[in-house]
Amino acid sequence: MIEINLTTKNREEFIDITEKLINVINQEIEKENIKDGIVVIYVPHTTAGCVINENADPSVKKDILEFLNTHIPRDKKYHHTEGNADAHIKASIIGNSLNLIISGGKVILGSWQGIFFCEFDGPRTRKIFVQVIKK
């Protein structure tokens, strides 16, 4: 298993981690001579997550954050009183893991797809775990 550390700068942000992850995954694919398999990406935090979406136009991640903030506002009266209930809800909706396919020794992503770390309660130091599984 590979552990990646990430420091976020804002309370809420989508960080494009595609290049960093693909580099790490490709090193593992080459080291283990993997032709086909699966990559599991896991974020072990309750107020952060990960998602695959378009990374060509930065307005997409801005639109997603604005939608989440409109429907899950920070200042609503929640039962969880630590001041980050909205972050828990947003992270639950986004999710904390992804599965990618390895085929022919390469990770499969669509033309416009990127992998984003989604921070909802930063700034913080976060972890991402990556497991490459050979078929």
C-alpha atoms as a PDB file:
ATOM      1  CA  MET A   1       0.000   0.000   0.000  1.00  0.00           C
ATOM      2  CA  ILE A   2       1.172   3.508  -0.837  1.00  0.00           C
ATOM      3  CA  GLU A   3       0.517   6.459   1.459  1.00  0.00           C
ATOM      4  CA  ILE A   4       0.410   9.994   0.076  1.00  0.00           C
ATOM      5  CA  ASN A   5       0.392  13.017   2.373  1.00  0.00           C
ATOM      6  CA  LEU A   6      -1.361  16.195   1.297  1.00  0.00           C
ATOM      7  CA  THR A   7      -1.684  19.591   2.976  1.00  0.00           C
ATOM      8  CA  THR A   8      -4.802  21.555   2.128  1.00  0.00           C
ATOM      9  CA  LYS A   9      -4.884  25.342   2.236  1.00  0.00           C
ATOM     10  CA  ASN A  10      -8.574  26.243   2.502  1.00  0.00           C
ATOM     11  CA  ARG A  11     -11.628  25.076   4.421  1.00  0.00           C
ATOM     12  CA  GLU A  12     -13.110  23.776   1.176  1.00  0.00           C
ATOM     13  CA  GLU A  13     -11.260  22.961  -2.002  1.00  0.00           C
ATOM     14  CA  PHE A  14     -10.969  20.427  -4.764  1.00  0.00           C
ATOM     15  CA  ILE A  15      -7.322  19.596  -5.425  1.00  0.00           C
ATOM     16  CA  ASP A  16      -6.427  17.931  -8.724  1.00  0.00           C
ATOM     17  CA  ILE A  17      -4.266  14.983  -7.669  1.00  0.00           C
ATOM     18  CA  THR A  18      -4.401  13.171 -11.015  1.00  0.00           C
ATOM     19  CA  GLU A  19      -0.761  13.620 -12.013  1.00  0.00           C
ATOM     20  CA  LYS A  20       0.568  12.777  -8.546  1.00  0.00           C
ATOM     21  CA  LEU A  21      -1.558   9.613  -8.335  1.00  0.00           C
ATOM     22  CA  ILE A  22      -0.858   8.448 -11.881  1.00  0.00           C
ATOM     23  CA  ASN A  23       2.905   8.850 -11.314  1.00  0.00           C
ATOM     24  CA  VAL A  24       2.758   6.775  -8.109  1.00  0.00           C
ATOM     25  CA  ILE A  25       0.514   4.165  -9.705  1.00  0.00           C
ATOM     26  CA  ASN A  26       2.699   3.909 -12.824  1.00  0.00           C
ATOM     27  CA  GLN A  27       5.782   3.333 -10.659  1.00  0.00           C
ATOM     28  CA  GLU A  28       3.980   0.455  -8.922  1.00  0.00           C
ATOM     29  CA  ILE A  29       2.711  -0.948 -12.242  1.00  0.00           C
ATOM     30  CA  GLU A  30       6.262  -0.945 -13.614  1.00  0.00           C
ATOM     31  CA  LYS A  31       7.847  -2.307 -10.420  1.00  0.00           C
ATOM     32  CA  GLU A  32       5.361  -5.195 -10.175  1.00  0.00           C
ATOM     33  CA  ASN A  33       5.029  -5.689 -13.965  1.00  0.00           C
ATOM     34  CA  ILE A  34       1.250  -5.364 -13.793  1.00  0.00           C
ATOM     35  CA  LYS A  35      -0.648  -5.661 -17.077  1.00  0.00           C
ATOM     36  CA  ASP A  36      -4.197  -5.820 -15.724  1.00  0.00           C
ATOM     37  CA  GLY A  37      -5.648  -5.033 -12.339  1.00  0.00           C
ATOM     38  CA  ILE A  38      -7.417  -2.520 -10.146  1.00  0.00           C
ATOM     39  CA  VAL A  39      -6.313   0.519  -8.201  1.00  0.00           C
ATOM     40  CA  VAL A  40      -8.144   1.435  -5.001  1.00  0.00           C
ATOM     41  CA  ILE A  41      -7.820   5.023  -3.795  1.00  0.00           C
ATOM     42  CA  TYR A  42      -8.987   5.578  -0.240  1.00  0.00           C
ATOM     43  CA  VAL A  43      -9.283   8.761   1.842  1.00  0.00           C
ATOM     44  CA  PRO A  44      -9.386   7.850   5.576  1.00  0.00           C
ATOM     45  CA  HIS A  45     -11.090  11.030   6.776  1.00  0.00           C
ATOM     46  CA  THR A  46     -14.698  11.815   7.710  1.00  0.00           C
ATOM     47  CA  THR A  47     -14.639  15.397   6.408  1.00  0.00           C
ATOM     48  CA  ALA A  48     -12.806  14.832   3.116  1.00  0.00           C
ATOM     49  CA  GLY A  49     -13.244  12.609   0.100  1.00  0.00           C
ATOM     50  CA  CYS A  50     -12.266  11.957  -3.495  1.00  0.00           C
ATOM     51  CA  VAL A  51     -14.052  12.105  -6.809  1.00  0.00           C
ATOM     52  CA  ILE A  52     -13.438  11.687 -10.530  1.00  0.00           C
ATOM     53  CA  ASN A  53     -14.764  14.491 -12.695  1.00  0.00           C
ATOM     54  CA  GLU A  54     -13.769  16.877 -15.459  1.00  0.00           C
ATOM     55  CA  ASN A  55     -10.408  18.537 -14.909  1.00  0.00           C
ATOM     56  CA  ALA A  56     -10.175  20.539 -18.148  1.00  0.00           C
ATOM     57  CA  ASP A  57     -12.472  23.357 -17.024  1.00  0.00           C
ATOM     58  CA  PRO A  58     -11.912  24.673 -13.465  1.00  0.00           C
ATOM     59  CA  SER A  59     -15.474  25.983 -13.338  1.00  0.00           C
ATOM     60  CA  VAL A  60     -16.728  22.393 -12.900  1.00  0.00           C
ATOM     61  CA  LYS A  61     -15.180  22.013  -9.446  1.00  0.00           C
ATOM     62  CA  LYS A  62     -16.375  25.529  -8.565  1.00  0.00           C
ATOM     63  CA  ASP A  63     -19.923  24.570  -9.616  1.00  0.00           C
ATOM     64  CA  ILE A  64     -19.831  21.389  -7.517  1.00  0.00           C
ATOM     65  CA  LEU A  65     -18.649  23.275  -4.424  1.00  0.00           C
ATOM     66  CA  GLU A  66     -21.270  25.998  -4.929  1.00  0.00           C
ATOM     67  CA  PHE A  67     -24.009  23.370  -5.294  1.00  0.00           C
ATOM     68  CA  LEU A  68     -22.904  21.579  -2.129  1.00  0.00           C
ATOM     69  CA  ASN A  69     -22.710  24.842  -0.181  1.00  0.00           C
ATOM     70  CA  THR A  70     -26.161  25.912  -1.357  1.00  0.00           C
ATOM     71  CA  HIS A  71     -27.770  22.640  -0.322  1.00  0.00           C
ATOM     72  CA  ILE A  72     -25.580  21.898   2.694  1.00  0.00           C
ATOM     73  CA  PRO A  73     -24.774  25.292   4.228  1.00  0.00           C
ATOM     74  CA  ARG A  74     -22.161  25.653   6.930  1.00  0.00           C
ATOM     75  CA  ASP A  75     -24.351  27.862   9.139  1.00  0.00           C
ATOM     76  CA  LYS A  76     -27.429  25.634   9.358  1.00  0.00           C
ATOM     77  CA  LYS A  77     -28.385  24.420  12.834  1.00  0.00           C
ATOM     78  CA  TYR A  78     -27.056  20.847  12.967  1.00  0.00           C
ATOM     79  CA  HIS A  79     -27.146  18.331  15.807  1.00  0.00           C
ATOM     80  CA  HIS A  80     -23.377  17.765  15.530  1.00  0.00           C
ATOM     81  CA  THR A  81     -22.056  20.806  17.387  1.00  0.00           C
ATOM     82  CA  GLU A  82     -18.341  20.806  16.505  1.00  0.00           C
ATOM     83  CA  GLY A  83     -18.931  23.294  13.687  1.00  0.00           C
ATOM     84  CA  ASN A  84     -18.175  20.908  10.850  1.00  0.00           C
ATOM     85  CA  ALA A  85     -21.409  18.945  10.391  1.00  0.00           C
ATOM     86  CA  ASP A  86     -21.688  20.283   6.844  1.00  0.00           C
ATOM     87  CA  ALA A  87     -18.235  18.843   6.091  1.00  0.00           C
ATOM     88  CA  HIS A  88     -19.306  15.385   7.293  1.00  0.00           C
ATOM     89  CA  ILE A  89     -22.407  15.485   5.100  1.00  0.00           C
ATOM     90  CA  LYS A  90     -20.515  16.705   2.018  1.00  0.00           C
ATOM     91  CA  ALA A  91     -17.840  14.041   2.465  1.00  0.00           C
ATOM     92  CA  SER A  92     -20.533  11.367   2.819  1.00  0.00           C
ATOM     93  CA  ILE A  93     -22.142  12.464  -0.436  1.00  0.00           C
ATOM     94  CA  ILE A  94     -18.869  12.687  -2.378  1.00  0.00           C
ATOM     95  CA  GLY A  95     -17.475   9.423  -0.984  1.00  0.00           C
ATOM     96  CA  ASN A  96     -14.099   8.348   0.291  1.00  0.00           C
ATOM     97  CA  SER A  97     -12.861   5.827  -2.255  1.00  0.00           C
ATOM     98  CA  LEU A  98     -12.412   5.235  -5.966  1.00  0.00           C
ATOM     99  CA  ASN A  99     -11.625   2.213  -8.094  1.00  0.00           C
ATOM    100  CA  LEU A 100      -9.626   2.528 -11.300  1.00  0.00           C
ATOM    101  CA  ILE A 101      -8.972  -0.130 -13.925  1.00  0.00           C
ATOM    102  CA  ILE A 102      -5.507  -1.078 -15.120  1.00  0.00           C
ATOM    103  CA  SER A 103      -5.531  -2.503 -18.636  1.00  0.00           C
ATOM    104  CA  GLY A 104      -2.503  -3.183 -20.787  1.00  0.00           C
ATOM    105  CA  GLY A 105      -0.252  -1.775 -18.071  1.00  0.00           C
ATOM    106  CA  LYS A 106      -2.038   1.590 -18.021  1.00  0.00           C
ATOM    107  CA  VAL A 107      -4.596   3.248 -15.773  1.00  0.00           C
ATOM    108  CA  ILE A 108      -7.854   3.904 -17.610  1.00  0.00           C
ATOM    109  CA  LEU A 109      -9.302   7.425 -17.287  1.00  0.00           C
ATOM    110  CA  GLY A 110     -11.607   9.210 -19.701  1.00  0.00           C
ATOM    111  CA  SER A 111     -10.320  12.053 -21.880  1.00  0.00           C
ATOM    112  CA  TRP A 112     -11.622  14.810 -19.618  1.00  0.00           C
ATOM    113  CA  GLN A 113     -11.421  12.986 -16.298  1.00  0.00           C
ATOM    114  CA  GLY A 114      -9.252  13.938 -13.380  1.00  0.00           C
ATOM    115  CA  ILE A 115      -9.010  12.733  -9.802  1.00  0.00           C
ATOM    116  CA  PHE A 116      -9.743  15.282  -7.091  1.00  0.00           C
ATOM    117  CA  PHE A 117      -9.115  15.308  -3.367  1.00  0.00           C
ATOM    118  CA  CYS A 118     -12.112  17.066  -1.829  1.00  0.00           C
ATOM    119  CA  GLU A 119     -11.453  19.028   1.358  1.00  0.00           C
ATOM    120  CA  PHE A 120     -14.448  20.174   3.382  1.00  0.00           C
ATOM    121  CA  ASP A 121     -12.883  20.976   6.778  1.00  0.00           C
ATOM    122  CA  GLY A 122      -9.435  22.401   6.162  1.00  0.00           C
ATOM    123  CA  PRO A 123      -6.838  23.491   6.170  1.00  0.00           C
ATOM    124  CA  ARG A 124      -5.409  20.184   7.339  1.00  0.00           C
ATOM    125  CA  THR A 125      -2.760  17.593   6.694  1.00  0.00           C
ATOM    126  CA  ARG A 126      -4.461  14.645   5.015  1.00  0.00           C
ATOM    127  CA  LYS A 127      -3.619  11.142   3.834  1.00  0.00           C
ATOM    128  CA  ILE A 128      -4.530   9.214   0.725  1.00  0.00           C
ATOM    129  CA  PHE A 129      -3.960   5.465   0.530  1.00  0.00           C
ATOM    130  CA  VAL A 130      -3.416   3.738  -2.817  1.00  0.00           C
ATOM    131  CA  GLN A 131      -3.519  -0.015  -3.299  1.00  0.00           C
ATOM    132  CA  VAL A 132      -2.605  -1.510  -6.674  1.00  0.00           C
ATOM    133  CA  ILE A 133      -4.019  -5.003  -7.109  1.00  0.00           C
ATOM    134  CA  LYS A 134      -2.672  -7.286  -9.817  1.00  0.00           C
ATOM    135  CA  LYS A 135      -5.146  -9.492 -11.674  1.00  0.00           C
END
